[in-house]
Amino acid sequence: MEHAYQAAKSLLQFEQDEIRTCGPAWKAKKLGRKVMMRPDWEENKADVMKELVRRKFQQNDLLRQSLLITEDAILIEGNGWHDNFWGDCGCDKCEGIKGQNMLGKILMEIREELKEGNA
């Protein structure tokens, strides 16, 4: 999933191919920081993530069941690396900053789709 997300940042085929075939996820993330960013990335990155997360849970029964078992729990992507867009960083530096928790929101939305049989 990391490879697909990072590759989606670029419109250049050679950059997408390099990311998709680079090996470990950390390397894909590193390469994704160096691509020629598509001009509409900031407006579309959450939609790209949502579609990738949807596919991940559609394709993997174990992951789907793991998400559904959370029932109606509020899901928060907690982290310690200052990511307050996808999650909510709990480090001292970010104290008092409420993260947007976009990944948690996406997971809860996909969970609802799965419950309703729409995913």
PDB file of N, CA and C in Angstrom:
ATOM      1  N   MET A   1       0.816  -1.178   0.000  1.00  0.00           N
ATOM      2  CA  MET A   1       0.000   0.000   0.000  1.00  0.00           C
ATOM      3  C   MET A   1       0.871   1.257   0.000  1.00  0.00           C
ATOM      4  N   GLU A   2       1.951   1.224   0.759  1.00  0.00           N
ATOM      5  CA  GLU A   2       2.857   2.384   0.807  1.00  0.00           C
ATOM      6  C   GLU A   2       3.416   2.688  -0.581  1.00  0.00           C
ATOM      7  N   HIS A   3       3.759   1.646  -1.309  1.00  0.00           N
ATOM      8  CA  HIS A   3       4.301   1.834  -2.656  1.00  0.00           C
ATOM      9  C   HIS A   3       3.280   2.514  -3.562  1.00  0.00           C
ATOM     10  N   ALA A   4       2.049   2.056  -3.524  1.00  0.00           N
ATOM     11  CA  ALA A   4       1.005   2.631  -4.377  1.00  0.00           C
ATOM     12  C   ALA A   4       0.734   4.082  -4.003  1.00  0.00           C
ATOM     13  N   TYR A   5       0.692   4.369  -2.711  1.00  0.00           N
ATOM     14  CA  TYR A   5       0.435   5.733  -2.260  1.00  0.00           C
ATOM     15  C   TYR A   5       1.556   6.673  -2.709  1.00  0.00           C
ATOM     16  N   GLN A   6       2.790   6.270  -2.480  1.00  0.00           N
ATOM     17  CA  GLN A   6       3.924   7.116  -2.854  1.00  0.00           C
ATOM     18  C   GLN A   6       4.005   7.286  -4.368  1.00  0.00           C
ATOM     19  N   ALA A   7       3.732   6.232  -5.114  1.00  0.00           N
ATOM     20  CA  ALA A   7       3.767   6.316  -6.580  1.00  0.00           C
ATOM     21  C   ALA A   7       2.697   7.265  -7.102  1.00  0.00           C
ATOM     22  N   ALA A   8       1.579   7.344  -6.416  1.00  0.00           N
ATOM     23  CA  ALA A   8       0.479   8.214  -6.850  1.00  0.00           C
ATOM     24  C   ALA A   8       0.828   9.698  -6.742  1.00  0.00           C
ATOM     25  N   LYS A   9       1.880  10.031  -6.020  1.00  0.00           N
ATOM     26  CA  LYS A   9       2.290  11.429  -5.879  1.00  0.00           C
ATOM     27  C   LYS A   9       2.807  12.011  -7.182  1.00  0.00           C
ATOM     28  N   SER A  10       3.252  11.157  -8.082  1.00  0.00           N
ATOM     29  CA  SER A  10       3.865  11.612  -9.334  1.00  0.00           C
ATOM     30  C   SER A  10       3.002  11.230 -10.527  1.00  0.00           C
ATOM     31  N   LEU A  11       3.075  12.038 -11.559  1.00  0.00           N
ATOM     32  CA  LEU A  11       2.420  11.703 -12.825  1.00  0.00           C
ATOM     33  C   LEU A  11       3.417  11.119 -13.827  1.00  0.00           C
ATOM     34  N   LEU A  12       4.685  11.056 -13.421  1.00  0.00           N
ATOM     35  CA  LEU A  12       5.733  10.558 -14.308  1.00  0.00           C
ATOM     36  C   LEU A  12       5.868   9.043 -14.168  1.00  0.00           C
ATOM     37  N   GLN A  13       5.693   8.334 -15.271  1.00  0.00           N
ATOM     38  CA  GLN A  13       5.696   6.871 -15.254  1.00  0.00           C
ATOM     39  C   GLN A  13       6.998   6.296 -14.690  1.00  0.00           C
ATOM     40  N   PHE A  14       8.142   6.878 -15.057  1.00  0.00           N
ATOM     41  CA  PHE A  14       9.411   6.310 -14.572  1.00  0.00           C
ATOM     42  C   PHE A  14       9.533   6.447 -13.060  1.00  0.00           C
ATOM     43  N   GLU A  15       9.008   7.536 -12.489  1.00  0.00           N
ATOM     44  CA  GLU A  15       9.035   7.677 -11.029  1.00  0.00           C
ATOM     45  C   GLU A  15       8.084   6.682 -10.374  1.00  0.00           C
ATOM     46  N   GLN A  16       6.913   6.522 -10.938  1.00  0.00           N
ATOM     47  CA  GLN A  16       5.953   5.554 -10.409  1.00  0.00           C
ATOM     48  C   GLN A  16       6.532   4.142 -10.441  1.00  0.00           C
ATOM     49  N   ASP A  17       7.135   3.773 -11.556  1.00  0.00           N
ATOM     50  CA  ASP A  17       7.727   2.438 -11.695  1.00  0.00           C
ATOM     51  C   ASP A  17       8.852   2.210 -10.689  1.00  0.00           C
ATOM     52  N   GLU A  18       9.692   3.230 -10.503  1.00  0.00           N
ATOM     53  CA  GLU A  18      10.810   3.095  -9.556  1.00  0.00           C
ATOM     54  C   GLU A  18      10.290   2.853  -8.139  1.00  0.00           C
ATOM     55  N   ILE A  19       9.256   3.574  -7.757  1.00  0.00           N
ATOM     56  CA  ILE A  19       8.694   3.421  -6.413  1.00  0.00           C
ATOM     57  C   ILE A  19       8.027   2.055  -6.258  1.00  0.00           C
ATOM     58  N   ARG A  20       7.276   1.656  -7.240  1.00  0.00           N
ATOM     59  CA  ARG A  20       6.537   0.386  -7.145  1.00  0.00           C
ATOM     60  C   ARG A  20       7.450  -0.828  -7.039  1.00  0.00           C
ATOM     61  N   THR A  21       8.667  -0.708  -7.534  1.00  0.00           N
ATOM     62  CA  THR A  21       9.573  -1.862  -7.579  1.00  0.00           C
ATOM     63  C   THR A  21      10.797  -1.711  -6.681  1.00  0.00           C
ATOM     64  N   CYS A  22      10.787  -0.737  -5.792  1.00  0.00           N
ATOM     65  CA  CYS A  22      12.012  -0.396  -5.048  1.00  0.00           C
ATOM     66  C   CYS A  22      12.339  -1.312  -3.875  1.00  0.00           C
ATOM     67  N   GLY A  23      11.427  -2.146  -3.442  1.00  0.00           N
ATOM     68  CA  GLY A  23      11.724  -2.998  -2.293  1.00  0.00           C
ATOM     69  C   GLY A  23      10.905  -2.604  -1.078  1.00  0.00           C
ATOM     70  N   PRO A  24      11.549  -2.422   0.063  1.00  0.00           N
ATOM     71  CA  PRO A  24      10.811  -2.189   1.312  1.00  0.00           C
ATOM     72  C   PRO A  24      10.026  -0.873   1.330  1.00  0.00           C
ATOM     73  N   ALA A  25       8.988  -0.853   2.153  1.00  0.00           N
ATOM     74  CA  ALA A  25       8.096   0.311   2.245  1.00  0.00           C
ATOM     75  C   ALA A  25       8.847   1.579   2.629  1.00  0.00           C
ATOM     76  N   TRP A  26       9.828   1.470   3.514  1.00  0.00           N
ATOM     77  CA  TRP A  26      10.563   2.674   3.931  1.00  0.00           C
ATOM     78  C   TRP A  26      11.268   3.317   2.744  1.00  0.00           C
ATOM     79  N   LYS A  27      11.714   2.479   1.806  1.00  0.00           N
ATOM     80  CA  LYS A  27      12.394   3.011   0.626  1.00  0.00           C
ATOM     81  C   LYS A  27      11.393   3.705  -0.302  1.00  0.00           C
ATOM     82  N   ALA A  28      10.196   3.138  -0.423  1.00  0.00           N
ATOM     83  CA  ALA A  28       9.152   3.773  -1.230  1.00  0.00           C
ATOM     84  C   ALA A  28       8.808   5.143  -0.660  1.00  0.00           C
ATOM     85  N   LYS A  29       8.709   5.216   0.667  1.00  0.00           N
ATOM     86  CA  LYS A  29       8.398   6.494   1.319  1.00  0.00           C
ATOM     87  C   LYS A  29       9.509   7.519   1.057  1.00  0.00           C
ATOM     88  N   LYS A  30      10.744   7.066   1.135  1.00  0.00           N
ATOM     89  CA  LYS A  30      11.884   7.951   0.888  1.00  0.00           C
ATOM     90  C   LYS A  30      11.869   8.456  -0.560  1.00  0.00           C
ATOM     91  N   LEU A  31      11.616   7.569  -1.509  1.00  0.00           N
ATOM     92  CA  LEU A  31      11.550   7.967  -2.913  1.00  0.00           C
ATOM     93  C   LEU A  31      10.368   8.906  -3.161  1.00  0.00           C
ATOM     94  N   GLY A  32       9.285   8.686  -2.461  1.00  0.00           N
ATOM     95  CA  GLY A  32       8.107   9.528  -2.617  1.00  0.00           C
ATOM     96  C   GLY A  32       8.346  10.974  -2.210  1.00  0.00           C
ATOM     97  N   ARG A  33       9.330  11.196  -1.376  1.00  0.00           N
ATOM     98  CA  ARG A  33       9.679  12.571  -0.966  1.00  0.00           C
ATOM     99  C   ARG A  33      10.459  13.312  -2.051  1.00  0.00           C
ATOM    100  N   LYS A  34      10.961  12.570  -3.040  1.00  0.00           N
ATOM    101  CA  LYS A  34      11.845  13.160  -4.050  1.00  0.00           C
ATOM    102  C   LYS A  34      11.200  13.294  -5.424  1.00  0.00           C
ATOM    103  N   VAL A  35       9.975  12.839  -5.580  1.00  0.00           N
ATOM    104  CA  VAL A  35       9.356  12.867  -6.906  1.00  0.00           C
ATOM    105  C   VAL A  35       8.903  14.275  -7.288  1.00  0.00           C
ATOM    106  N   MET A  36       8.654  14.460  -8.571  1.00  0.00           N
ATOM    107  CA  MET A  36       8.032  15.699  -9.034  1.00  0.00           C
ATOM    108  C   MET A  36       6.541  15.558  -8.681  1.00  0.00           C
ATOM    109  N   MET A  37       6.146  16.271  -7.652  1.00  0.00           N
ATOM    110  CA  MET A  37       4.806  16.140  -7.105  1.00  0.00           C
ATOM    111  C   MET A  37       3.752  16.604  -8.108  1.00  0.00           C
ATOM    112  N   ARG A  38       2.722  15.790  -8.280  1.00  0.00           N
ATOM    113  CA  ARG A  38       1.643  16.213  -9.169  1.00  0.00           C
ATOM    114  C   ARG A  38       0.984  17.458  -8.580  1.00  0.00           C
ATOM    115  N   PRO A  39       0.553  18.379  -9.400  1.00  0.00           N
ATOM    116  CA  PRO A  39       0.081  19.672  -8.907  1.00  0.00           C
ATOM    117  C   PRO A  39      -1.174  19.601  -8.036  1.00  0.00           C
ATOM    118  N   ASP A  40      -1.959  18.557  -8.187  1.00  0.00           N
ATOM    119  CA  ASP A  40      -3.207  18.446  -7.419  1.00  0.00           C
ATOM    120  C   ASP A  40      -3.083  17.495  -6.228  1.00  0.00           C
ATOM    121  N   TRP A  41      -1.850  17.170  -5.830  1.00  0.00           N
ATOM    122  CA  TRP A  41      -1.637  16.158  -4.798  1.00  0.00           C
ATOM    123  C   TRP A  41      -2.306  16.514  -3.469  1.00  0.00           C
ATOM    124  N   GLU A  42      -2.100  17.708  -2.993  1.00  0.00           N
ATOM    125  CA  GLU A  42      -2.648  18.079  -1.684  1.00  0.00           C
ATOM    126  C   GLU A  42      -4.168  17.953  -1.655  1.00  0.00           C
ATOM    127  N   GLU A  43      -4.819  18.260  -2.757  1.00  0.00           N
ATOM    128  CA  GLU A  43      -6.279  18.169  -2.816  1.00  0.00           C
ATOM    129  C   GLU A  43      -6.765  16.728  -2.950  1.00  0.00           C
ATOM    130  N   ASN A  44      -5.897  15.838  -3.410  1.00  0.00           N
ATOM    131  CA  ASN A  44      -6.318  14.470  -3.719  1.00  0.00           C
ATOM    132  C   ASN A  44      -5.715  13.381  -2.846  1.00  0.00           C
ATOM    133  N   LYS A  45      -4.757  13.719  -1.998  1.00  0.00           N
ATOM    134  CA  LYS A  45      -4.051  12.666  -1.265  1.00  0.00           C
ATOM    135  C   LYS A  45      -4.964  11.864  -0.334  1.00  0.00           C
ATOM    136  N   ALA A  46      -5.945  12.495   0.274  1.00  0.00           N
ATOM    137  CA  ALA A  46      -6.853  11.751   1.157  1.00  0.00           C
ATOM    138  C   ALA A  46      -7.735  10.802   0.356  1.00  0.00           C
ATOM    139  N   ASP A  47      -8.166  11.211  -0.825  1.00  0.00           N
ATOM    140  CA  ASP A  47      -8.974  10.331  -1.679  1.00  0.00           C
ATOM    141  C   ASP A  47      -8.156   9.138  -2.167  1.00  0.00           C
ATOM    142  N   VAL A  48      -6.892   9.378  -2.498  1.00  0.00           N
ATOM    143  CA  VAL A  48      -6.008   8.288  -2.907  1.00  0.00           C
ATOM    144  C   VAL A  48      -5.858   7.298  -1.757  1.00  0.00           C
ATOM    145  N   MET A  49      -5.597   7.806  -0.565  1.00  0.00           N
ATOM    146  CA  MET A  49      -5.446   6.932   0.600  1.00  0.00           C
ATOM    147  C   MET A  49      -6.722   6.149   0.864  1.00  0.00           C
ATOM    148  N   LYS A  50      -7.847   6.808   0.777  1.00  0.00           N
ATOM    149  CA  LYS A  50      -9.131   6.145   1.032  1.00  0.00           C
ATOM    150  C   LYS A  50      -9.342   4.976   0.071  1.00  0.00           C
ATOM    151  N   GLU A  51      -9.060   5.185  -1.199  1.00  0.00           N
ATOM    152  CA  GLU A  51      -9.235   4.108  -2.178  1.00  0.00           C
ATOM    153  C   GLU A  51      -8.270   2.959  -1.914  1.00  0.00           C
ATOM    154  N   LEU A  52      -7.044   3.268  -1.534  1.00  0.00           N
ATOM    155  CA  LEU A  52      -6.066   2.211  -1.236  1.00  0.00           C
ATOM    156  C   LEU A  52      -6.457   1.432   0.015  1.00  0.00           C
ATOM    157  N   VAL A  53      -6.922   2.128   1.033  1.00  0.00           N
ATOM    158  CA  VAL A  53      -7.369   1.456   2.260  1.00  0.00           C
ATOM    159  C   VAL A  53      -8.587   0.578   1.953  1.00  0.00           C
ATOM    160  N   ARG A  54      -9.511   1.086   1.156  1.00  0.00           N
ATOM    161  CA  ARG A  54     -10.691   0.310   0.774  1.00  0.00           C
ATOM    162  C   ARG A  54     -10.262  -0.997   0.108  1.00  0.00           C
ATOM    163  N   ARG A  55      -9.365  -0.892  -0.869  1.00  0.00           N
ATOM    164  CA  ARG A  55      -8.893  -2.085  -1.578  1.00  0.00           C
ATOM    165  C   ARG A  55      -8.212  -3.070  -0.632  1.00  0.00           C
ATOM    166  N   LYS A  56      -7.419  -2.545   0.290  1.00  0.00           N
ATOM    167  CA  LYS A  56      -6.702  -3.393   1.247  1.00  0.00           C
ATOM    168  C   LYS A  56      -7.676  -4.257   2.050  1.00  0.00           C
ATOM    169  N   PHE A  57      -8.753  -3.657   2.518  1.00  0.00           N
ATOM    170  CA  PHE A  57      -9.704  -4.399   3.334  1.00  0.00           C
ATOM    171  C   PHE A  57     -10.656  -5.247   2.495  1.00  0.00           C
ATOM    172  N   GLN A  58     -10.855  -4.903   1.239  1.00  0.00           N
ATOM    173  CA  GLN A  58     -11.650  -5.739   0.342  1.00  0.00           C
ATOM    174  C   GLN A  58     -10.902  -7.018  -0.005  1.00  0.00           C
ATOM    175  N   GLN A  59      -9.593  -6.930  -0.121  1.00  0.00           N
ATOM    176  CA  GLN A  59      -8.779  -8.046  -0.606  1.00  0.00           C
ATOM    177  C   GLN A  59      -8.280  -8.982   0.490  1.00  0.00           C
ATOM    178  N   ASN A  60      -8.397  -8.599   1.748  1.00  0.00           N
ATOM    179  CA  ASN A  60      -7.811  -9.400   2.814  1.00  0.00           C
ATOM    180  C   ASN A  60      -8.859  -9.689   3.892  1.00  0.00           C
ATOM    181  N   ASP A  61      -9.314 -10.938   3.934  1.00  0.00           N
ATOM    182  CA  ASP A  61     -10.369 -11.325   4.879  1.00  0.00           C
ATOM    183  C   ASP A  61      -9.963 -11.109   6.333  1.00  0.00           C
ATOM    184  N   LEU A  62      -8.726 -11.437   6.672  1.00  0.00           N
ATOM    185  CA  LEU A  62      -8.263 -11.287   8.048  1.00  0.00           C
ATOM    186  C   LEU A  62      -8.259  -9.822   8.474  1.00  0.00           C
ATOM    187  N   LEU A  63      -7.752  -8.956   7.604  1.00  0.00           N
ATOM    188  CA  LEU A  63      -7.752  -7.519   7.916  1.00  0.00           C
ATOM    189  C   LEU A  63      -9.179  -6.989   8.009  1.00  0.00           C
ATOM    190  N   ARG A  64     -10.040  -7.440   7.087  1.00  0.00           N
ATOM    191  CA  ARG A  64     -11.435  -6.989   7.101  1.00  0.00           C
ATOM    192  C   ARG A  64     -12.100  -7.363   8.431  1.00  0.00           C
ATOM    193  N   GLN A  65     -11.911  -8.604   8.859  1.00  0.00           N
ATOM    194  CA  GLN A  65     -12.502  -9.039  10.132  1.00  0.00           C
ATOM    195  C   GLN A  65     -11.904  -8.282  11.316  1.00  0.00           C
ATOM    196  N   SER A  66     -10.614  -7.997  11.250  1.00  0.00           N
ATOM    197  CA  SER A  66      -9.958  -7.231  12.319  1.00  0.00           C
ATOM    198  C   SER A  66     -10.533  -5.818  12.419  1.00  0.00           C
ATOM    199  N   LEU A  67     -10.858  -5.227  11.292  1.00  0.00           N
ATOM    200  CA  LEU A  67     -11.458  -3.897  11.306  1.00  0.00           C
ATOM    201  C   LEU A  67     -12.900  -3.963  11.803  1.00  0.00           C
ATOM    202  N   LEU A  68     -13.656  -4.939  11.327  1.00  0.00           N
ATOM    203  CA  LEU A  68     -15.060  -5.052  11.727  1.00  0.00           C
ATOM    204  C   LEU A  68     -15.224  -5.345  13.213  1.00  0.00           C
ATOM    205  N   ILE A  69     -14.278  -6.058  13.789  1.00  0.00           N
ATOM    206  CA  ILE A  69     -14.372  -6.407  15.211  1.00  0.00           C
ATOM    207  C   ILE A  69     -14.231  -5.184  16.119  1.00  0.00           C
ATOM    208  N   THR A  70     -13.729  -4.082  15.562  1.00  0.00           N
ATOM    209  CA  THR A  70     -13.625  -2.853  16.347  1.00  0.00           C
ATOM    210  C   THR A  70     -14.992  -2.207  16.558  1.00  0.00           C
ATOM    211  N   GLU A  71     -16.008  -2.750  15.882  1.00  0.00           N
ATOM    212  CA  GLU A  71     -17.396  -2.296  15.971  1.00  0.00           C
ATOM    213  C   GLU A  71     -17.513  -0.785  15.768  1.00  0.00           C
ATOM    214  N   ASP A  72     -17.904  -0.046  16.798  1.00  0.00           N
ATOM    215  CA  ASP A  72     -18.096   1.397  16.655  1.00  0.00           C
ATOM    216  C   ASP A  72     -17.036   2.208  17.396  1.00  0.00           C
ATOM    217  N   ALA A  73     -15.909   1.564  17.701  1.00  0.00           N
ATOM    218  CA  ALA A  73     -14.832   2.260  18.412  1.00  0.00           C
ATOM    219  C   ALA A  73     -14.283   3.412  17.577  1.00  0.00           C
ATOM    220  N   ILE A  74     -13.897   4.471  18.237  1.00  0.00           N
ATOM    221  CA  ILE A  74     -13.221   5.580  17.564  1.00  0.00           C
ATOM    222  C   ILE A  74     -11.782   5.137  17.317  1.00  0.00           C
ATOM    223  N   LEU A  75     -11.359   5.201  16.071  1.00  0.00           N
ATOM    224  CA  LEU A  75     -10.025   4.768  15.689  1.00  0.00           C
ATOM    225  C   LEU A  75      -9.134   5.985  15.496  1.00  0.00           C
ATOM    226  N   ILE A  76      -8.007   5.976  16.176  1.00  0.00           N
ATOM    227  CA  ILE A  76      -7.061   7.095  16.101  1.00  0.00           C
ATOM    228  C   ILE A  76      -5.699   6.554  15.698  1.00  0.00           C
ATOM    229  N   GLU A  77      -5.128   7.151  14.668  1.00  0.00           N
ATOM    230  CA  GLU A  77      -3.794   6.780  14.243  1.00  0.00           C
ATOM    231  C   GLU A  77      -2.822   7.593  15.098  1.00  0.00           C
ATOM    232  N   GLY A  78      -2.494   7.020  16.253  1.00  0.00           N
ATOM    233  CA  GLY A  78      -1.560   7.681  17.143  1.00  0.00           C
ATOM    234  C   GLY A  78      -0.135   7.463  16.666  1.00  0.00           C
ATOM    235  N   ASN A  79       0.716   8.452  16.850  1.00  0.00           N
ATOM    236  CA  ASN A  79       2.103   8.306  16.429  1.00  0.00           C
ATOM    237  C   ASN A  79       2.978   9.229  17.261  1.00  0.00           C
ATOM    238  N   GLY A  80       4.258   9.097  17.078  1.00  0.00           N
ATOM    239  CA  GLY A  80       5.220   9.933  17.778  1.00  0.00           C
ATOM    240  C   GLY A  80       6.153  10.640  16.826  1.00  0.00           C
ATOM    241  N   TRP A  81       5.763  10.747  15.572  1.00  0.00           N
ATOM    242  CA  TRP A  81       6.638  11.358  14.563  1.00  0.00           C
ATOM    243  C   TRP A  81       6.014  12.611  13.951  1.00  0.00           C
ATOM    244  N   HIS A  82       5.195  13.294  14.715  1.00  0.00           N
ATOM    245  CA  HIS A  82       4.658  14.621  14.371  1.00  0.00           C
ATOM    246  C   HIS A  82       3.705  14.614  13.169  1.00  0.00           C
ATOM    247  N   ASP A  83       3.085  13.481  12.897  1.00  0.00           N
ATOM    248  CA  ASP A  83       2.124  13.418  11.794  1.00  0.00           C
ATOM    249  C   ASP A  83       0.746  13.754  12.337  1.00  0.00           C
ATOM    250  N   ASN A  84       0.384  15.001  12.183  1.00  0.00           N
ATOM    251  CA  ASN A  84      -0.908  15.455  12.662  1.00  0.00           C
ATOM    252  C   ASN A  84      -1.915  15.642  11.534  1.00  0.00           C
ATOM    253  N   PHE A  85      -1.567  15.164  10.350  1.00  0.00           N
ATOM    254  CA  PHE A  85      -2.553  15.105   9.268  1.00  0.00           C
ATOM    255  C   PHE A  85      -3.197  13.721   9.261  1.00  0.00           C
ATOM    256  N   TRP A  86      -2.391  12.677   9.077  1.00  0.00           N
ATOM    257  CA  TRP A  86      -2.925  11.315   9.044  1.00  0.00           C
ATOM    258  C   TRP A  86      -3.299  10.817  10.427  1.00  0.00           C
ATOM    259  N   GLY A  87      -2.658  11.339  11.443  1.00  0.00           N
ATOM    260  CA  GLY A  87      -2.901  10.847  12.786  1.00  0.00           C
ATOM    261  C   GLY A  87      -2.989  11.951  13.814  1.00  0.00           C
ATOM    262  N   ASP A  88      -2.587  11.581  15.017  1.00  0.00           N
ATOM    263  CA  ASP A  88      -2.583  12.507  16.143  1.00  0.00           C
ATOM    264  C   ASP A  88      -1.330  12.198  16.950  1.00  0.00           C
ATOM    265  N   CYS A  89      -0.307  13.027  16.774  1.00  0.00           N
ATOM    266  CA  CYS A  89       0.976  12.786  17.431  1.00  0.00           C
ATOM    267  C   CYS A  89       0.862  13.051  18.928  1.00  0.00           C
ATOM    268  N   GLY A  90       1.400  12.130  19.708  1.00  0.00           N
ATOM    269  CA  GLY A  90       1.320  12.255  21.149  1.00  0.00           C
ATOM    270  C   GLY A  90       2.625  12.672  21.803  1.00  0.00           C
ATOM    271  N   CYS A  91       3.580  13.170  21.029  1.00  0.00           N
ATOM    272  CA  CYS A  91       4.868  13.544  21.617  1.00  0.00           C
ATOM    273  C   CYS A  91       4.757  14.882  22.354  1.00  0.00           C
ATOM    274  N   ASP A  92       5.752  15.174  23.161  1.00  0.00           N
ATOM    275  CA  ASP A  92       5.775  16.423  23.936  1.00  0.00           C
ATOM    276  C   ASP A  92       5.746  17.658  23.033  1.00  0.00           C
ATOM    277  N   LYS A  93       6.438  17.590  21.906  1.00  0.00           N
ATOM    278  CA  LYS A  93       6.495  18.721  20.976  1.00  0.00           C
ATOM    279  C   LYS A  93       5.101  19.067  20.429  1.00  0.00           C
ATOM    280  N   CYS A  94       4.268  18.057  20.259  1.00  0.00           N
ATOM    281  CA  CYS A  94       2.937  18.264  19.674  1.00  0.00           C
ATOM    282  C   CYS A  94       1.836  18.391  20.737  1.00  0.00           C
ATOM    283  N   GLU A  95       2.240  18.479  21.981  1.00  0.00           N
ATOM    284  CA  GLU A  95       1.253  18.624  23.054  1.00  0.00           C
ATOM    285  C   GLU A  95       0.368  19.842  22.784  1.00  0.00           C
ATOM    286  N   GLY A  96      -0.918  19.652  22.897  1.00  0.00           N
ATOM    287  CA  GLY A  96      -1.866  20.737  22.668  1.00  0.00           C
ATOM    288  C   GLY A  96      -2.310  20.873  21.222  1.00  0.00           C
ATOM    289  N   ILE A  97      -1.686  20.099  20.325  1.00  0.00           N
ATOM    290  CA  ILE A  97      -2.088  20.112  18.917  1.00  0.00           C
ATOM    291  C   ILE A  97      -2.996  18.918  18.683  1.00  0.00           C
ATOM    292  N   LYS A  98      -4.191  19.167  18.218  1.00  0.00           N
ATOM    293  CA  LYS A  98      -5.109  18.077  17.904  1.00  0.00           C
ATOM    294  C   LYS A  98      -4.903  17.665  16.458  1.00  0.00           C
ATOM    295  N   GLY A  99      -4.494  16.428  16.277  1.00  0.00           N
ATOM    296  CA  GLY A  99      -4.277  15.926  14.927  1.00  0.00           C
ATOM    297  C   GLY A  99      -5.587  15.768  14.173  1.00  0.00           C
ATOM    298  N   GLN A 100      -5.512  15.823  12.847  1.00  0.00           N
ATOM    299  CA  GLN A 100      -6.701  15.653  12.015  1.00  0.00           C
ATOM    300  C   GLN A 100      -7.152  14.201  11.944  1.00  0.00           C
ATOM    301  N   ASN A 101      -6.235  13.255  12.221  1.00  0.00           N
ATOM    302  CA  ASN A 101      -6.564  11.831  12.263  1.00  0.00           C
ATOM    303  C   ASN A 101      -7.255  11.348  10.981  1.00  0.00           C
ATOM    304  N   MET A 102      -6.782  11.786   9.844  1.00  0.00           N
ATOM    305  CA  MET A 102      -7.419  11.410   8.581  1.00  0.00           C
ATOM    306  C   MET A 102      -7.422   9.901   8.358  1.00  0.00           C
ATOM    307  N   LEU A 103      -6.348   9.210   8.732  1.00  0.00           N
ATOM    308  CA  LEU A 103      -6.317   7.764   8.545  1.00  0.00           C
ATOM    309  C   LEU A 103      -7.358   7.089   9.434  1.00  0.00           C
ATOM    310  N   GLY A 104      -7.467   7.535  10.671  1.00  0.00           N
ATOM    311  CA  GLY A 104      -8.494   6.983  11.550  1.00  0.00           C
ATOM    312  C   GLY A 104      -9.887   7.201  10.991  1.00  0.00           C
ATOM    313  N   LYS A 105     -10.142   8.389  10.464  1.00  0.00           N
ATOM    314  CA  LYS A 105     -11.443   8.701   9.873  1.00  0.00           C
ATOM    315  C   LYS A 105     -11.718   7.823   8.653  1.00  0.00           C
ATOM    316  N   ILE A 106     -10.698   7.625   7.833  1.00  0.00           N
ATOM    317  CA  ILE A 106     -10.849   6.763   6.655  1.00  0.00           C
ATOM    318  C   ILE A 106     -11.160   5.338   7.090  1.00  0.00           C
ATOM    319  N   LEU A 107     -10.428   4.832   8.079  1.00  0.00           N
ATOM    320  CA  LEU A 107     -10.681   3.471   8.562  1.00  0.00           C
ATOM    321  C   LEU A 107     -12.105   3.316   9.084  1.00  0.00           C
ATOM    322  N   MET A 108     -12.595   4.308   9.815  1.00  0.00           N
ATOM    323  CA  MET A 108     -13.963   4.232  10.329  1.00  0.00           C
ATOM    324  C   MET A 108     -14.985   4.294   9.192  1.00  0.00           C
ATOM    325  N   GLU A 109     -14.698   5.089   8.172  1.00  0.00           N
ATOM    326  CA  GLU A 109     -15.604   5.175   7.023  1.00  0.00           C
ATOM    327  C   GLU A 109     -15.628   3.854   6.247  1.00  0.00           C
ATOM    328  N   ILE A 110     -14.466   3.267   6.033  1.00  0.00           N
ATOM    329  CA  ILE A 110     -14.394   1.982   5.332  1.00  0.00           C
ATOM    330  C   ILE A 110     -15.086   0.906   6.167  1.00  0.00           C
ATOM    331  N   ARG A 111     -14.910   0.950   7.474  1.00  0.00           N
ATOM    332  CA  ARG A 111     -15.588  -0.012   8.357  1.00  0.00           C
ATOM    333  C   ARG A 111     -17.099   0.063   8.158  1.00  0.00           C
ATOM    334  N   GLU A 112     -17.636   1.278   8.097  1.00  0.00           N
ATOM    335  CA  GLU A 112     -19.079   1.443   7.878  1.00  0.00           C
ATOM    336  C   GLU A 112     -19.502   0.886   6.516  1.00  0.00           C
ATOM    337  N   GLU A 113     -18.701   1.135   5.506  1.00  0.00           N
ATOM    338  CA  GLU A 113     -18.985   0.585   4.178  1.00  0.00           C
ATOM    339  C   GLU A 113     -19.023  -0.920   4.226  1.00  0.00           C
ATOM    340  N   LEU A 114     -18.068  -1.523   4.919  1.00  0.00           N
ATOM    341  CA  LEU A 114     -18.015  -2.969   5.033  1.00  0.00           C
ATOM    342  C   LEU A 114     -19.221  -3.524   5.767  1.00  0.00           C
ATOM    343  N   LYS A 115     -19.630  -2.858   6.829  1.00  0.00           N
ATOM    344  CA  LYS A 115     -20.818  -3.278   7.587  1.00  0.00           C
ATOM    345  C   LYS A 115     -22.059  -3.280   6.713  1.00  0.00           C
ATOM    346  N   GLU A 116     -22.148  -2.261   5.871  1.00  0.00           N
ATOM    347  CA  GLU A 116     -23.326  -2.093   5.024  1.00  0.00           C
ATOM    348  C   GLU A 116     -23.222  -2.907   3.732  1.00  0.00           C
ATOM    349  N   GLY A 117     -22.082  -3.540   3.527  1.00  0.00           N
ATOM    350  CA  GLY A 117     -21.879  -4.326   2.324  1.00  0.00           C
ATOM    351  C   GLY A 117     -21.608  -3.488   1.092  1.00  0.00           C
ATOM    352  N   ASN A 118     -21.146  -2.251   1.294  1.00  0.00           N
ATOM    353  CA  ASN A 118     -20.899  -1.342   0.171  1.00  0.00           C
ATOM    354  C   ASN A 118     -19.431  -1.265  -0.239  1.00  0.00           C
ATOM    355  N   ALA A 119     -18.581  -2.011   0.416  1.00  0.00           N
ATOM    356  CA  ALA A 119     -17.152  -1.943   0.063  1.00  0.00           C
ATOM    357  C   ALA A 119     -16.716  -3.250  -0.565  1.00  0.00           C
TER     358      ALA A 119
END
